[in-house]
C-alpha atoms as a PDB file:
ATOM      1  CA  MET A   1     104.111 135.131 109.730  1.00  0.00           C
ATOM      2  CA  PRO A   2     102.942 131.659 108.618  1.00  0.00           C
ATOM      3  CA  ARG A   3     101.485 129.288 111.175  1.00  0.00           C
ATOM      4  CA  VAL A   4     104.003 126.774 112.502  1.00  0.00           C
ATOM      5  CA  PRO A   5     102.994 123.384 111.070  1.00  0.00           C
ATOM      6  CA  ASP A   6     102.034 120.566 113.371  1.00  0.00           C
ATOM      7  CA  THR A   7     104.490 117.789 113.929  1.00  0.00           C
ATOM      8  CA  LYS A   8     103.787 114.835 111.721  1.00  0.00           C
ATOM      9  CA  ALA A   9     102.045 112.581 114.226  1.00  0.00           C
ATOM     10  CA  SER A  10      99.831 115.357 115.522  1.00  0.00           C
ATOM     11  CA  LEU A  11      98.904 116.330 111.960  1.00  0.00           C
ATOM     12  CA  ILE A  12      98.032 112.726 111.107  1.00  0.00           C
ATOM     13  CA  LEU A  13      95.968 112.364 114.261  1.00  0.00           C
ATOM     14  CA  ARG A  14      93.977 115.447 113.184  1.00  0.00           C
ATOM     15  CA  LEU A  15      93.113 113.941 109.775  1.00  0.00           C
ATOM     16  CA  PRO A  16      90.153 111.811 110.917  1.00  0.00           C
ATOM     17  CA  SER A  17      88.273 115.015 111.730  1.00  0.00           C
ATOM     18  CA  ALA A  18      86.382 115.944 108.575  1.00  0.00           C
ATOM     19  CA  ASP A  19      86.078 119.490 109.962  1.00  0.00           C
ATOM     20  CA  ASP A  20      89.848 120.037 110.088  1.00  0.00           C
ATOM     21  CA  ALA A  21      90.370 121.413 106.592  1.00  0.00           C
ATOM     22  CA  GLU A  22      93.745 122.925 107.513  1.00  0.00           C
ATOM     23  CA  ALA A  23      95.145 119.493 108.451  1.00  0.00           C
ATOM     24  CA  TRP A  24      94.017 118.063 105.110  1.00  0.00           C
ATOM     25  CA  ARG A  25      95.468 121.018 103.170  1.00  0.00           C
ATOM     26  CA  GLU A  26      98.807 120.491 104.924  1.00  0.00           C
ATOM     27  CA  PHE A  27      98.702 116.741 104.284  1.00  0.00           C
ATOM     28  CA  VAL A  28      97.723 117.072 100.618  1.00  0.00           C
ATOM     29  CA  SER A  29     100.396 119.730  99.968  1.00  0.00           C
ATOM     30  CA  ILE A  30     103.047 117.223 101.060  1.00  0.00           C
ATOM     31  CA  TYR A  31     101.751 113.972  99.580  1.00  0.00           C
ATOM     32  CA  GLU A  32      99.636 114.705  96.509  1.00  0.00           C
ATOM     33  CA  PRO A  33     102.619 115.694  94.301  1.00  0.00           C
ATOM     34  CA  PHE A  34     104.584 112.667  95.475  1.00  0.00           C
ATOM     35  CA  VAL A  35     101.798 110.176  94.738  1.00  0.00           C
ATOM     36  CA  TYR A  36     101.231 111.782  91.342  1.00  0.00           C
ATOM     37  CA  ARG A  37     104.908 111.491  90.352  1.00  0.00           C
ATOM     38  CA  PHE A  38     105.013 107.947  91.717  1.00  0.00           C
ATOM     39  CA  ALA A  39     102.046 107.054  89.512  1.00  0.00           C
ATOM     40  CA  ARG A  40     103.587 108.686  86.447  1.00  0.00           C
ATOM     41  CA  ARG A  41     106.873 106.875  86.982  1.00  0.00           C
ATOM     42  CA  GLY A  42     104.878 103.711  87.360  1.00  0.00           C
ATOM     43  CA  GLY A  43     103.746 104.107  83.758  1.00  0.00           C
ATOM     44  CA  LEU A  44     100.374 105.861  84.128  1.00  0.00           C
ATOM     45  CA  GLN A  45      99.170 108.617  81.832  1.00  0.00           C
ATOM     46  CA  ASP A  46      98.231 111.977  83.382  1.00  0.00           C
ATOM     47  CA  ALA A  47      94.505 111.234  83.777  1.00  0.00           C
ATOM     48  CA  ASP A  48      95.130 107.788  85.277  1.00  0.00           C
ATOM     49  CA  ALA A  49      97.782 109.212  87.605  1.00  0.00           C
ATOM     50  CA  ARG A  50      95.378 111.895  88.855  1.00  0.00           C
ATOM     51  CA  GLU A  51      92.695 109.264  89.389  1.00  0.00           C
ATOM     52  CA  LEU A  52      95.164 107.155  91.370  1.00  0.00           C
ATOM     53  CA  VAL A  53      96.023 110.182  93.539  1.00  0.00           C
ATOM     54  CA  GLN A  54      92.338 110.727  94.317  1.00  0.00           C
ATOM     55  CA  ASN A  55      91.836 107.047  95.118  1.00  0.00           C
ATOM     56  CA  VAL A  56      94.856 106.981  97.432  1.00  0.00           C
ATOM     57  CA  LEU A  57      93.700 110.118  99.269  1.00  0.00           C
ATOM     58  CA  LEU A  58      90.207 108.642  99.566  1.00  0.00           C
ATOM     59  CA  SER A  59      91.652 105.409 100.976  1.00  0.00           C
ATOM     60  CA  VAL A  60      93.707 107.395 103.484  1.00  0.00           C
ATOM     61  CA  ALA A  61      90.643 109.427 104.492  1.00  0.00           C
ATOM     62  CA  ARG A  62      88.668 106.225 105.116  1.00  0.00           C
ATOM     63  CA  ALA A  63      91.383 104.411 107.067  1.00  0.00           C
ATOM     64  CA  VAL A  64      93.485 107.077 108.809  1.00  0.00           C
ATOM     65  CA  GLY A  65      91.252 107.033 111.891  1.00  0.00           C
ATOM     66  CA  ARG A  66      92.551 103.537 112.656  1.00  0.00           C
ATOM     67  CA  TRP A  67      96.227 104.477 112.243  1.00  0.00           C
ATOM     68  CA  ARG A  68      98.273 105.033 115.394  1.00  0.00           C
ATOM     69  CA  PRO A  69     101.999 105.744 115.785  1.00  0.00           C
ATOM     70  CA  ASP A  70     103.669 102.367 116.310  1.00  0.00           C
ATOM     71  CA  HIS A  71     107.362 101.816 115.578  1.00  0.00           C
ATOM     72  CA  GLN A  72     106.892  98.050 115.335  1.00  0.00           C
ATOM     73  CA  ARG A  73     104.243  98.334 112.607  1.00  0.00           C
ATOM     74  CA  GLY A  74     106.210 100.881 110.594  1.00  0.00           C
ATOM     75  CA  ARG A  75     105.954 104.535 109.808  1.00  0.00           C
ATOM     76  CA  PHE A  76     102.932 106.337 108.424  1.00  0.00           C
ATOM     77  CA  ARG A  77     104.631 107.029 105.101  1.00  0.00           C
ATOM     78  CA  THR A  78     105.309 103.303 104.684  1.00  0.00           C
ATOM     79  CA  TRP A  79     101.584 102.657 105.188  1.00  0.00           C
ATOM     80  CA  LEU A  80     100.655 105.440 102.769  1.00  0.00           C
ATOM     81  CA  PHE A  81     103.116 104.302 100.142  1.00  0.00           C
ATOM     82  CA  ARG A  82     101.902 100.723 100.465  1.00  0.00           C
ATOM     83  CA  ILE A  83      98.393 101.993  99.686  1.00  0.00           C
ATOM     84  CA  ALA A  84      99.731 103.885  96.646  1.00  0.00           C
ATOM     85  CA  ARG A  85     101.787 100.920  95.443  1.00  0.00           C
ATOM     86  CA  ASN A  86      98.930  98.436  95.884  1.00  0.00           C
ATOM     87  CA  GLN A  87      96.499 100.670  94.046  1.00  0.00           C
ATOM     88  CA  LEU A  88      99.032 101.206  91.262  1.00  0.00           C
ATOM     89  CA  LEU A  89      99.574  97.452  90.963  1.00  0.00           C
ATOM     90  CA  ASP A  90      95.811  96.859  90.902  1.00  0.00           C
ATOM     91  CA  LEU A  91      95.352  99.433  88.160  1.00  0.00           C
ATOM     92  CA  LEU A  92      98.273  98.066  86.145  1.00  0.00           C
ATOM     93  CA  ALA A  93      96.902  94.531  86.533  1.00  0.00           C
ATOM     94  CA  LYS A  94      93.549  95.680  85.118  1.00  0.00           C
ATOM     95  CA  GLN A  95      95.290  97.475  82.271  1.00  0.00           C
ATOM     96  CA  LYS A  96      97.490  94.422  81.684  1.00  0.00           C
ATOM     97  CA  ARG A  97      94.448  92.178  81.365  1.00  0.00           C
ATOM     98  CA  SER A  98      92.935  94.648  78.939  1.00  0.00           C
ATOM     99  CA  ALA A  99      96.192  94.938  76.962  1.00  0.00           C
ATOM    100  CA  VAL A 100      96.666  91.164  76.811  1.00  0.00           C
ATOM    101  CA  SER A 101      93.135  90.752  75.492  1.00  0.00           C
ATOM    102  CA  ARG A 102      94.099  93.250  72.760  1.00  0.00           C
ATOM    103  CA  GLY A 103      97.519  91.665  72.221  1.00  0.00           C
ATOM    104  CA  GLY A 104      99.678  94.353  73.925  1.00  0.00           C
ATOM    105  CA  SER A 105     102.344  93.769  76.576  1.00  0.00           C
ATOM    106  CA  GLY A 106     104.003  97.129  77.417  1.00  0.00           C
ATOM    107  CA  LEU A 107     102.241  97.590  80.755  1.00  0.00           C
ATOM    108  CA  PHE A 108     102.931  93.974  81.668  1.00  0.00           C
ATOM    109  CA  ASP A 109     106.653  94.798  81.750  1.00  0.00           C
ATOM    110  CA  VAL A 110     106.020  97.749  84.092  1.00  0.00           C
ATOM    111  CA  PHE A 111     103.823  95.564  86.310  1.00  0.00           C
ATOM    112  CA  GLU A 112     106.498  92.860  86.522  1.00  0.00           C
ATOM    113  CA  GLN A 113     109.174  95.417  87.329  1.00  0.00           C
ATOM    114  CA  LEU A 114     107.109  96.975  90.132  1.00  0.00           C
ATOM    115  CA  THR A 115     106.304  93.648  91.748  1.00  0.00           C
ATOM    116  CA  ALA A 116     109.906  92.418  91.540  1.00  0.00           C
ATOM    117  CA  THR A 117     111.660  95.424  93.098  1.00  0.00           C
ATOM    118  CA  SER A 118     109.992  96.122  96.430  1.00  0.00           C
ATOM    119  CA  ASP A 119     113.292  96.931  98.231  1.00  0.00           C
ATOM    120  CA  SER A 120     114.454  99.404  95.602  1.00  0.00           C
ATOM    121  CA  THR A 121     110.909 100.793  95.446  1.00  0.00           C
ATOM    122  CA  GLU A 122     110.974 101.500  99.186  1.00  0.00           C
ATOM    123  CA  LEU A 123     114.335 103.267  98.821  1.00  0.00           C
ATOM    124  CA  HIS A 124     112.957 105.242  95.878  1.00  0.00           C
ATOM    125  CA  LEU A 125     109.872 106.176  97.895  1.00  0.00           C
ATOM    126  CA  ARG A 126     111.986 107.454 100.771  1.00  0.00           C
ATOM    127  CA  LEU A 127     114.054 109.555  98.368  1.00  0.00           C
ATOM    128  CA  GLU A 128     110.894 110.905  96.715  1.00  0.00           C
ATOM    129  CA  HIS A 129     109.497 111.783 100.128  1.00  0.00           C
ATOM    130  CA  ARG A 130     112.674 113.687 101.047  1.00  0.00           C
ATOM    131  CA  GLN A 131     112.525 115.595  97.766  1.00  0.00           C
ATOM    132  CA  GLU A 132     108.879 116.470  98.301  1.00  0.00           C
ATOM    133  CA  LEU A 133     109.626 117.587 101.844  1.00  0.00           C
ATOM    134  CA  PHE A 134     112.398 119.836 100.494  1.00  0.00           C
ATOM    135  CA  ARG A 135     110.007 121.357  97.941  1.00  0.00           C
ATOM    136  CA  TRP A 136     107.431 121.975 100.660  1.00  0.00           C
ATOM    137  CA  ALA A 137     109.982 123.548 103.022  1.00  0.00           C
ATOM    138  CA  ALA A 138     111.507 125.607 100.197  1.00  0.00           C
ATOM    139  CA  ASP A 139     108.093 127.012  99.306  1.00  0.00           C
ATOM    140  CA  ARG A 140     107.512 128.068 102.915  1.00  0.00           C
ATOM    141  CA  VAL A 141     110.970 129.575 103.366  1.00  0.00           C
ATOM    142  CA  LYS A 142     110.918 131.419 100.029  1.00  0.00           C
ATOM    143  CA  LYS A 143     107.792 133.290 101.132  1.00  0.00           C
ATOM    144  CA  SER A 144     109.486 134.393 104.362  1.00  0.00           C
ATOM    145  CA  VAL A 145     112.737 135.896 103.011  1.00  0.00           C
ATOM    146  CA  LYS A 146     113.641 138.708 100.641  1.00  0.00           C
ATOM    147  CA  GLU A 147     113.897 137.815  96.974  1.00  0.00           C
ATOM    148  CA  ALA A 148     117.635 138.647  96.844  1.00  0.00           C
ATOM    149  CA  THR A 149     118.247 136.393  99.855  1.00  0.00           C
ATOM    150  CA  TRP A 150     116.406 133.518  98.186  1.00  0.00           C
ATOM    151  CA  GLN A 151     118.214 134.074  94.879  1.00  0.00           C
ATOM    152  CA  ALA A 152     121.592 134.075  96.661  1.00  0.00           C
ATOM    153  CA  PHE A 153     120.748 130.722  98.226  1.00  0.00           C
ATOM    154  CA  TRP A 154     119.282 129.230  95.046  1.00  0.00           C
ATOM    155  CA  MET A 155     122.124 130.278  92.787  1.00  0.00           C
ATOM    156  CA  THR A 156     124.855 128.955  95.098  1.00  0.00           C
ATOM    157  CA  ALA A 157     123.209 125.922  96.724  1.00  0.00           C
ATOM    158  CA  VAL A 158     121.010 124.623  93.911  1.00  0.00           C
ATOM    159  CA  GLU A 159     122.477 125.983  90.672  1.00  0.00           C
ATOM    160  CA  ASP A 160     126.013 125.522  92.068  1.00  0.00           C
ATOM    161  CA  LYS A 161     127.243 128.949  91.012  1.00  0.00           C
ATOM    162  CA  SER A 162     130.156 130.470  92.867  1.00  0.00           C
ATOM    163  CA  ALA A 163     129.501 133.122  95.505  1.00  0.00           C
ATOM    164  CA  GLU A 164     131.439 135.574  93.372  1.00  0.00           C
ATOM    165  CA  THR A 165     129.224 134.917  90.327  1.00  0.00           C
ATOM    166  CA  ALA A 166     126.047 135.233  92.399  1.00  0.00           C
ATOM    167  CA  ALA A 167     127.335 138.447  94.001  1.00  0.00           C
ATOM    168  CA  SER A 168     128.073 139.934  90.589  1.00  0.00           C
ATOM    169  CA  GLU A 169     124.675 138.970  89.159  1.00  0.00           C
ATOM    170  CA  LEU A 170     122.718 140.145  92.205  1.00  0.00           C
ATOM    171  CA  GLY A 171     124.746 143.289  92.901  1.00  0.00           C
ATOM    172  CA  LEU A 172     125.712 142.108  96.400  1.00  0.00           C
ATOM    173  CA  THR A 173     128.977 141.481  98.181  1.00  0.00           C
ATOM    174  CA  THR A 174     130.372 137.969  98.402  1.00  0.00           C
ATOM    175  CA  GLY A 175     129.931 138.119 102.182  1.00  0.00           C
ATOM    176  CA  ALA A 176     126.245 138.986 101.762  1.00  0.00           C
ATOM    177  CA  ILE A 177     125.837 135.938  99.511  1.00  0.00           C
ATOM    178  CA  TYR A 178     127.337 133.635 102.144  1.00  0.00           C
ATOM    179  CA  ILE A 179     125.156 135.141 104.895  1.00  0.00           C
ATOM    180  CA  ALA A 180     121.990 134.848 102.787  1.00  0.00           C
ATOM    181  CA  ARG A 181     122.764 131.249 101.868  1.00  0.00           C
ATOM    182  CA  SER A 182     123.433 130.367 105.504  1.00  0.00           C
ATOM    183  CA  ARG A 183     120.171 131.958 106.671  1.00  0.00           C
ATOM    184  CA  VAL A 184     118.065 130.146 104.086  1.00  0.00           C
ATOM    185  CA  LEU A 185     119.752 126.807 104.787  1.00  0.00           C
ATOM    186  CA  ALA A 186     119.106 127.257 108.513  1.00  0.00           C
ATOM    187  CA  ARG A 187     115.421 128.011 107.882  1.00  0.00           C
ATOM    188  CA  LEU A 188     115.074 125.044 105.552  1.00  0.00           C
ATOM    189  CA  ARG A 189     116.629 122.773 108.184  1.00  0.00           C
ATOM    190  CA  ASP A 190     114.233 124.161 110.805  1.00  0.00           C
ATOM    191  CA  GLU A 191     111.176 123.514 108.630  1.00  0.00           C
ATOM    192  CA  ILE A 192     112.256 119.983 107.789  1.00  0.00           C
ATOM    193  CA  GLN A 193     113.250 119.288 111.404  1.00  0.00           C
ATOM    194  CA  LYS A 194     109.703 120.048 112.538  1.00  0.00           C
ATOM    195  CA  TRP A 195     108.674 116.976 110.545  1.00  0.00           C
ATOM    196  CA  GLU A 196     111.744 114.918 111.342  1.00  0.00           C
ATOM    197  CA  ASP A 197     111.543 115.377 115.132  1.00  0.00           C
ATOM    198  CA  ASP A 198     108.427 113.261 115.278  1.00  0.00           C
ATOM    199  CA  ASP A 199     109.259 109.814 113.941  1.00  0.00           C
ATOM    200  CA  ALA A 200     105.662 109.030 112.981  1.00  0.00           C
ATOM    201  CA  MET A 201     106.314 109.589 109.288  1.00  0.00           C
END
């Protein structure tokens, strides 16, 4: 049975310890894909996006020891995303200067759009975080249930197939499909709730 993950604040408070590799693995599994997609949607090519991810993680590693849960100063994810956004803007500004010196302007448009839409960016970041959290929880739950149970959930909840269609394809009864879907949904909620209970993120 997999180890129950720490709540968010306790995980974050473990990050300053360079010896706590498990805390960093947990942290990176949640945030590395998000920061990468954020960078790609910000207009970066694959190599630049991966470099941005490394720079953001390095910045977090250097500064996380000073972070403390504080509702007045904002959540941890807001702090993290501000780091990612600032580093993306810095990189785009450098690329813009380089493009302008060569006569190009494509990245300038991306830069202007990012700087002008901070409210919608924050909303987008929250949605991205929720999606990443779902992917993380789904990966954990999938490993803990039978394949047919997972397929019953996936076909009906994600692919939006009817219970009857899923039952026919999987060779199960319609009732078994509903039970499997309910079990997986409950486990997904439990995994996500472990992170949601602690408001640090």
